[in-house]
Every structure is written in structure tokens, then in C-alpha cells.
Protein backbone atom coordinates (compact mmCIF):
# COMPACT_ATOMS: atom_id res chain seq x y z
CA MET A 1 0.00 0.00 0.00
CA LYS A 2 1.30 3.41 -0.90
CA LYS A 3 1.99 5.82 1.96
CA ASN A 4 -0.40 8.35 0.46
CA ASN A 5 -3.28 5.93 1.06
CA TYR A 6 -2.84 6.15 4.84
CA LYS A 7 -4.28 9.65 4.79
CA LYS A 8 -7.43 8.31 3.17
CA ILE A 9 -7.71 5.62 5.85
CA ALA A 10 -7.46 8.29 8.55
CA LYS A 11 -10.18 10.38 6.92
CA ASP A 12 -12.41 7.32 6.50
CA VAL A 13 -12.05 6.48 10.21
CA ILE A 14 -12.90 10.04 11.16
CA ASP A 15 -15.92 10.02 8.83
CA LEU A 16 -17.22 6.84 10.49
CA GLU A 17 -16.77 8.34 13.95
CA ILE A 18 -18.46 11.59 12.93
CA LEU A 19 -21.40 9.54 11.67
CA ALA A 20 -21.47 7.67 14.99
CA LEU A 21 -21.56 10.93 16.92
CA LYS A 22 -24.41 12.23 14.76
CA LYS A 23 -26.39 9.08 15.55
CA LEU A 24 -25.59 9.50 19.23
CA LYS A 25 -26.75 13.12 19.13
CA ASN A 26 -30.10 12.10 17.69
CA SER A 27 -30.55 9.41 20.35
CA ILE A 28 -30.29 11.75 23.38
CA ASN A 29 -33.62 11.68 25.25
CA ASN A 30 -35.12 12.20 28.70
CA SER A 31 -33.08 9.32 30.10
CA PHE A 32 -30.04 11.58 29.79
CA ASN A 33 -31.78 14.20 31.97
CA GLN A 34 -32.47 11.49 34.55
CA ALA A 35 -28.83 10.39 34.49
CA VAL A 36 -27.55 13.94 35.03
CA THR A 37 -29.93 14.48 37.95
CA ALA A 38 -28.86 11.19 39.53
CA VAL A 39 -25.17 12.02 39.20
CA VAL A 40 -25.54 15.50 40.70
CA LYS A 41 -27.75 14.31 43.57
CA CYS A 42 -25.45 11.38 44.38
CA GLN A 43 -24.71 11.40 48.14
CA SER A 44 -21.55 9.34 47.80
CA LYS A 45 -19.44 8.37 44.78
CA VAL A 46 -20.18 7.91 41.07
CA ILE A 47 -18.58 4.60 40.17
CA LEU A 48 -17.88 3.67 36.55
CA CYS A 49 -17.21 0.13 35.51
CA GLY A 50 -16.37 -1.70 32.29
CA VAL A 51 -14.30 -4.44 30.70
CA GLY A 52 -11.28 -3.96 28.44
CA LYS A 53 -11.51 -0.75 26.42
CA SER A 54 -14.79 0.11 28.13
CA TYR A 55 -12.92 0.11 31.45
CA LEU A 56 -10.36 2.54 30.02
CA ILE A 57 -13.18 4.82 28.90
CA ALA A 58 -14.80 4.41 32.32
CA SER A 59 -11.57 5.61 33.92
CA LYS A 60 -11.47 8.70 31.70
CA ILE A 61 -15.11 9.60 32.36
CA SER A 62 -14.57 9.08 36.08
CA ALA A 63 -11.57 11.41 36.07
CA THR A 64 -13.57 14.08 34.21
CA LEU A 65 -16.48 13.83 36.65
CA SER A 66 -14.14 14.20 39.62
CA SER A 67 -12.54 17.24 38.02
CA VAL A 68 -15.89 19.03 37.89
CA GLY A 69 -16.85 18.34 41.49
CA CYS A 70 -18.61 14.93 41.18
CA PRO A 71 -16.47 12.54 43.29
CA SER A 72 -15.88 9.43 41.23
CA PHE A 73 -13.68 6.40 40.69
CA SER A 74 -13.54 3.51 38.23
CA LEU A 75 -13.54 -0.27 38.68
CA ALA A 76 -12.47 -3.03 36.33
CA ALA A 77 -15.40 -5.45 36.12
CA SER A 78 -13.02 -8.42 36.14
CA ASP A 79 -11.81 -7.38 39.62
CA CYS A 80 -15.29 -6.97 41.06
CA SER A 81 -15.80 -10.73 41.45
CA HIS A 82 -12.57 -10.89 43.44
CA GLY A 83 -13.42 -8.45 46.20
CA ASP A 84 -13.86 -5.07 44.55
CA LEU A 85 -17.65 -5.25 44.86
CA GLY A 86 -16.94 -4.19 48.44
CA SER A 87 -16.03 -0.76 47.08
CA ILE A 88 -19.64 -0.11 46.09
CA SER A 89 -22.08 1.21 48.70
CA LYS A 90 -25.86 1.70 48.59
CA LYS A 91 -25.51 5.49 48.31
CA ASP A 92 -23.30 5.24 45.22
CA ILE A 93 -24.37 5.66 41.62
CA LEU A 94 -23.07 2.84 39.42
CA ILE A 95 -22.50 3.43 35.70
CA LEU A 96 -21.75 0.32 33.63
CA ILE A 97 -20.40 0.62 30.08
CA SER A 98 -20.80 -2.24 27.62
CA ASN A 99 -21.48 -2.15 23.90
CA SER A 100 -23.16 -5.56 23.88
CA GLY A 101 -24.59 -5.40 27.39
CA GLU A 102 -23.87 -9.12 27.75
CA THR A 103 -20.23 -9.10 28.89
CA GLN A 104 -19.86 -11.96 31.35
CA GLU A 105 -17.71 -10.04 33.82
CA LEU A 106 -20.46 -7.41 34.22
CA LYS A 107 -23.22 -9.82 35.22
CA PRO A 108 -22.13 -10.23 38.87
CA VAL A 109 -21.89 -6.42 39.13
CA ILE A 110 -25.40 -6.01 37.69
CA GLN A 111 -26.78 -8.61 40.11
CA PHE A 112 -25.03 -6.93 43.05
CA ALA A 113 -26.46 -3.52 42.11
CA ASN A 114 -30.00 -4.83 41.66
CA ARG A 115 -29.91 -6.91 44.85
CA ASN A 116 -28.71 -3.94 46.93
CA LYS A 117 -30.97 -1.38 45.20
CA ILE A 118 -27.99 0.66 43.98
CA THR A 119 -28.96 3.08 41.21
CA LEU A 120 -27.64 1.57 37.97
CA ILE A 121 -27.05 3.58 34.82
CA GLY A 122 -26.30 1.49 31.74
CA ILE A 123 -24.43 2.83 28.71
CA VAL A 124 -25.26 0.16 26.13
CA SER A 125 -26.22 -0.33 22.48
CA LYS A 126 -28.35 -3.51 22.70
CA LYS A 127 -31.90 -2.99 23.94
CA ASN A 128 -32.49 -6.70 24.44
CA SER A 129 -29.38 -7.13 26.57
CA THR A 130 -29.09 -7.97 30.27
CA LEU A 131 -27.54 -4.61 31.08
CA TYR A 132 -30.20 -2.59 29.27
CA LYS A 133 -33.06 -4.46 30.96
CA ALA A 134 -31.47 -4.30 34.43
CA SER A 135 -30.57 -0.58 34.34
CA ASP A 136 -32.61 1.95 36.29
CA ILE A 137 -31.54 4.61 33.80
CA LYS A 138 -30.79 3.51 30.25
CA LEU A 139 -28.36 5.54 28.13
CA PHE A 140 -28.75 3.99 24.70
CA ILE A 141 -25.88 4.39 22.26
CA PRO A 142 -26.87 3.47 18.68
CA GLU A 143 -25.17 0.57 16.96
CA VAL A 144 -22.61 1.90 14.49
CA LYS A 145 -20.11 0.64 11.96
CA GLU A 146 -16.63 0.12 13.41
CA ALA A 147 -13.49 1.12 11.55
CA GLY A 148 -10.80 -1.51 10.95
CA LEU A 149 -12.23 -4.77 9.62
CA GLY A 150 -15.62 -3.60 10.84
CA ILE A 151 -14.92 -5.14 14.26
CA VAL A 152 -12.22 -3.07 15.98
CA PRO A 153 -13.90 -0.99 18.73
CA THR A 154 -13.57 2.55 17.38
CA SER A 155 -16.85 4.23 16.51
CA SER A 156 -18.60 2.61 19.48
CA THR A 157 -15.89 3.64 21.93
CA THR A 158 -16.06 7.19 20.57
CA GLU A 159 -19.79 7.18 21.38
CA SER A 160 -19.17 5.95 24.93
CA LEU A 161 -16.49 8.56 25.52
CA ALA A 162 -18.69 11.31 24.14
CA ILE A 163 -21.72 10.41 26.27
CA GLY A 164 -19.42 10.52 29.30
CA ASP A 165 -18.25 14.02 28.37
CA CYS A 166 -21.89 15.04 27.93
CA LEU A 167 -22.70 13.76 31.42
CA ALA A 168 -19.79 15.64 32.99
CA VAL A 169 -20.51 18.96 31.27
CA ALA A 170 -24.24 18.72 31.98
CA ALA A 171 -23.52 17.92 35.63
CA LEU A 172 -21.14 20.87 35.76
CA ASN A 173 -23.91 23.18 34.58
CA LYS A 174 -26.55 21.73 36.91
CA LYS A 175 -24.21 22.15 39.91
CA GLY A 176 -23.37 25.74 38.93
CA PHE A 177 -19.71 24.73 38.91
CA ASN A 178 -17.58 27.69 37.72
CA LYS A 179 -13.96 28.48 36.90
CA LYS A 180 -13.23 29.40 40.49
CA ASN A 181 -14.44 25.97 41.63
CA PHE A 182 -12.47 24.33 38.82
CA LYS A 183 -9.29 26.12 39.89
CA LYS A 184 -9.52 24.65 43.39
CA LEU A 185 -9.37 21.15 41.91
CA HIS A 186 -6.55 22.02 39.45
CA PRO A 187 -3.97 23.98 41.48
CA LYS A 188 -0.99 22.82 39.43
CA GLY A 189 -0.01 22.37 35.79
CA SER A 190 -1.00 24.47 32.80
CA LEU A 191 -4.69 24.50 33.78
CA GLY A 192 -3.85 25.79 37.23
CA ALA A 193 -1.67 28.54 35.71
CA GLN A 194 -4.41 29.59 33.28
CA LEU A 195 -6.90 29.92 36.14
CA LYS A 196 -4.74 31.93 38.53
CA THR A 197 -6.23 35.26 39.49
CA ALA A 198 -4.82 38.63 40.46
CA GLU A 199 -5.42 37.72 44.10
CA ASP A 200 -3.25 34.59 43.75
CA LEU A 201 -0.24 36.54 42.48
CA MET A 202 -0.55 40.07 43.85
CA ILE A 203 1.66 41.69 46.45
CA LYS A 204 -0.42 41.76 49.60
CA LYS A 205 -1.19 44.89 51.64
CA LYS A 206 1.91 44.88 53.89
CA GLY A 207 4.16 44.78 50.86
CA ILE A 208 2.41 47.51 48.86
CA PRO A 209 4.56 50.68 48.58
CA PHE A 210 1.98 53.23 49.77
CA ILE A 211 2.81 56.91 50.17
CA ASN A 212 0.66 59.86 51.18
CA GLU A 213 -0.10 62.15 48.27
CA ASN A 214 1.04 65.15 50.34
CA SER A 215 4.48 63.70 51.04
CA ASN A 216 7.44 65.28 49.30
CA MET A 217 9.32 63.52 46.53
CA LYS A 218 12.41 63.16 48.71
CA ASN A 219 10.46 60.72 50.87
CA ALA A 220 9.00 59.09 47.74
CA LEU A 221 12.45 58.48 46.27
CA SER A 222 13.54 56.82 49.51
CA ILE A 223 10.56 54.45 49.54
CA ILE A 224 10.67 53.52 45.85
CA THR A 225 14.38 52.72 46.20
CA LYS A 226 13.77 50.62 49.32
CA LYS A 227 10.81 48.65 47.93
CA LYS A 228 12.51 47.92 44.58
CA LEU A 229 9.22 47.60 42.69
CA GLY A 230 9.61 50.67 40.52
CA VAL A 231 6.22 51.99 41.58
CA LEU A 232 4.45 53.82 44.43
CA ILE A 233 0.73 53.95 45.22
CA ALA A 234 -0.41 57.36 46.41
CA ILE A 235 -3.18 57.58 49.01
CA ASN A 236 -5.01 60.42 50.74
CA SER A 237 -5.72 60.97 54.44
CA GLN A 238 -8.65 58.51 54.23
CA LYS A 239 -6.22 55.89 52.84
CA LEU A 240 -8.01 55.87 49.51
CA THR A 241 -5.92 55.45 46.37
CA THR A 242 -5.53 58.67 44.43
CA GLY A 243 -2.61 58.05 42.11
CA ILE A 244 0.48 56.12 41.08
CA ILE A 245 4.10 57.04 40.53
CA THR A 246 6.55 54.96 38.49
CA ASP A 247 10.31 55.21 38.27
CA GLY A 248 9.82 56.21 34.62
CA GLN A 249 7.77 59.21 35.68
CA ILE A 250 10.43 60.16 38.19
CA ARG A 251 13.18 60.06 35.55
CA ARG A 252 11.16 62.24 33.19
CA SER A 253 10.29 64.69 35.96
CA THR A 254 13.95 64.96 36.96
CA GLN A 255 14.74 66.28 33.50
CA LYS A 256 12.05 68.97 33.83
CA ASN A 257 12.50 69.97 37.49
CA ASN A 258 15.74 70.94 39.23
CA ASN A 259 14.13 70.72 42.66
CA LEU A 260 12.21 67.46 42.25
CA LYS A 261 12.74 66.42 45.88
CA LYS A 262 10.80 69.44 47.11
CA LEU A 263 7.74 68.73 44.99
CA LEU A 264 4.75 66.89 46.45
CA VAL A 265 3.76 63.42 45.30
CA LYS A 266 0.38 64.69 44.07
CA ASN A 267 2.17 67.08 41.70
CA ILE A 268 3.97 64.18 39.99
CA MET A 269 1.62 61.19 40.23
CA THR A 270 -0.77 59.91 37.57
CA ARG A 271 -4.27 60.22 38.98
CA ASN A 272 -6.91 57.47 39.00
CA PRO A 273 -4.59 54.52 38.34
CA ILE A 274 -5.99 51.44 36.60
CA SER A 275 -7.37 48.97 39.14
CA ILE A 276 -8.65 45.43 38.58
CA ASP A 277 -10.87 43.17 40.64
CA LYS A 278 -9.08 40.53 42.71
CA ASP A 279 -10.83 37.75 40.74
CA THR A 280 -9.53 38.95 37.36
CA LEU A 281 -7.62 36.16 35.63
CA ALA A 282 -3.87 36.75 35.59
CA SER A 283 -3.85 36.22 31.81
CA LYS A 284 -6.42 39.01 31.46
CA SER A 285 -4.32 41.23 33.73
CA LEU A 286 -1.29 40.67 31.51
CA SER A 287 -3.36 41.64 28.48
CA ILE A 288 -4.39 44.89 30.17
CA MET A 289 -0.77 45.68 30.98
CA SER A 290 0.23 45.02 27.40
CA ASP A 291 -2.55 47.17 25.96
CA LYS A 292 -1.88 50.07 28.33
CA LYS A 293 1.92 49.66 28.15
CA ILE A 294 2.24 49.55 31.94
CA THR A 295 3.92 47.13 34.34
CA SER A 296 1.71 47.33 37.45
CA LEU A 297 -1.97 47.24 38.34
CA CYS A 298 -3.77 48.14 41.55
CA VAL A 299 -6.10 45.40 42.84
CA HIS A 300 -9.44 45.97 44.58
CA LYS A 301 -12.51 43.98 45.61
CA ASP A 302 -16.27 44.57 45.66
CA ASN A 303 -16.05 47.41 43.10
CA LYS A 304 -14.17 49.59 45.61
CA LYS A 305 -11.59 50.79 43.10
CA THR A 306 -10.07 53.41 45.40
CA LYS A 307 -9.42 50.86 48.16
CA THR A 308 -6.27 49.08 47.02
CA ILE A 309 -5.80 45.64 48.60
CA GLY A 310 -2.97 44.46 46.37
CA LEU A 311 -0.44 45.36 43.71
CA LEU A 312 0.05 43.12 40.69
CA HIS A 313 3.42 43.54 38.97
CA ILE A 314 4.22 42.07 35.57
CA HIS A 315 7.05 40.09 37.15
CA ASN A 316 4.52 38.30 39.39
CA ILE A 317 2.68 37.13 36.28
CA LEU A 318 5.73 36.12 34.26
CA ASP A 319 7.22 34.24 37.23
CA ALA A 320 4.05 32.15 37.28
CA ASN A 321 4.65 31.17 33.61
CA ILE A 322 1.47 32.90 32.45
CA GLN A 323 1.42 34.26 28.94
């Protein structure tokens, strides 16, 4: 076979899987709503179980559910008859995945669930199968043509994986799970970095270089040199933020004024500095800095823009590997 033909094989496989997903889309019914409600209302764990490739898919779906606030784990059906049935409690939701619904290893799990009145959700493509008939909630996945000799599990496994993603995203929406919740479960890695906020990276109050707007520039120069941040936040007698001074401003003012040290901070500062909410994503903060050609942002909360609670410097963002 010529190498060029491999591209056609790839496209044919993708076409078959797209067709499978279209069939799956058309098969979604009220049973899916019931499954989502059951998963969200689960008082314990959502347990996914399968055999072979279905077990691998079960593990992926389980991981996705856990990541969106639905505690979950997966079990290999072949291990359940050797003690792992003890992992399943009456308050759990059990999701079994099987294309045929007649896999021998699943039958003891089905019997255990039915005997103990454990809610059973079946993801299956045979309506006359043991799993379909025994399931409290039936998630039917249409029979589809497999790629590779017509027997290699490909299109059917794509359906199973997709219905799992649908469950997780629907559960996420029903729970009102947001990016802030998601960040708590993903503190590390690239996802954790993308979800960091200004509050996570900002210089806290004790470290902010505040100076009274009526102070002279001699005092300001001393503080900006000591703090080594290249910026000062000016406040009034009520401790409300009124302005900002950068080392760049100071250099430019030195060229224009021979007696800079005698001037007051309020005569030099830029009034009404840009301030962001503490929950602003760090990536968004970096974008603001880039657009405004600045290196620092004041941070506030509850729309109180003149009450600075933090200072976000571009170095804080870059050190966190956020781009």
C-alpha cells in the first residue's frame, strides 16, 4: 500500500466516527436528563465500571467527573468478582459501560447492584441485553459501523467517551460549577496557571509601597528605592488610592525639574490609576498591561476601586509562567 493511502484511511475512520456521533446526538432523550440528575444528587461516589476498552473509557469519564466536582472512581469489572464489589455502597451511583450489554464479567456487578438497590445507569447499544433491561436509567448508544475490519472498537468507543463528556458537562452546569471551583481542583499544571487570578499573584497589603499624596518627593524616592518595585501607590488621608508614581515618571520629571525632591507626590503622580478586581484572571491582567503599556496594576474587591488591597506587577505574572 502506498503511503499516500494512509491519509485516506485516517479520513475514513474520522468520517465513520463523525457519523457515529451524529447518531448518538439524535438518540439523546429524557433518560439523559435522569442520568444527570442522579449524578448531581449522588450522596456518595459515582462509580464507573467496564471491561477492556470500556474500562479505560470508564476511567477517563470518572476522572472528568471528579474534576468538575462529582467525586468518582472507576472499577475493572473483572476485579469486582474478586473483592472489589466491596467498594460499592448503597448510596453510590453505578454506571456500567458495555457495547453488547452481555459481557460476562459485568453480570455479577449487575446482580449486586439490583440486589442492593444501587442506582444503575447502563451505557449500552443492545436494547435486548441484560444490562439494558437491568438498568434503572438507560443511556442507549446506537449501533454503528466500526473502523478496521468492521470489528475493531472505534466508533462505538467514541460514542461511549462522548456520552461521558456530555454527562460531565451537563452535571457541571446543573451544579453551577464555575472556573473558580475548577481552579480549586486544578492547582498545578497548565490548567492551574491559566486559572490563577490577580489575588493569587498580587503583592499583599503589607508589601504595597503606599505613600501619602502630600508627602514630598524626597520621601517618595527613599521608599521607591527601598521597595525595589519601581512603583508607588499614592493615598489620601482617608487611605483611599488617588494616584500612582513609576520610576519612569520620576526620571522624566527629573529632566524637567531641578528641585524634584521638594515637589509633592500629588504634583507628579498619575491620577486614577488602573485597578482590577481581585478575581480577574492573571492572563487578562497581563493583556491589560500590554494594551496600556504599563507594568503594574492596583487590585481591589467589591467594586471599591479606590481601596487598594494588592499590587500586581508584571514580574509576578511572568514568574508564574502565564502568557
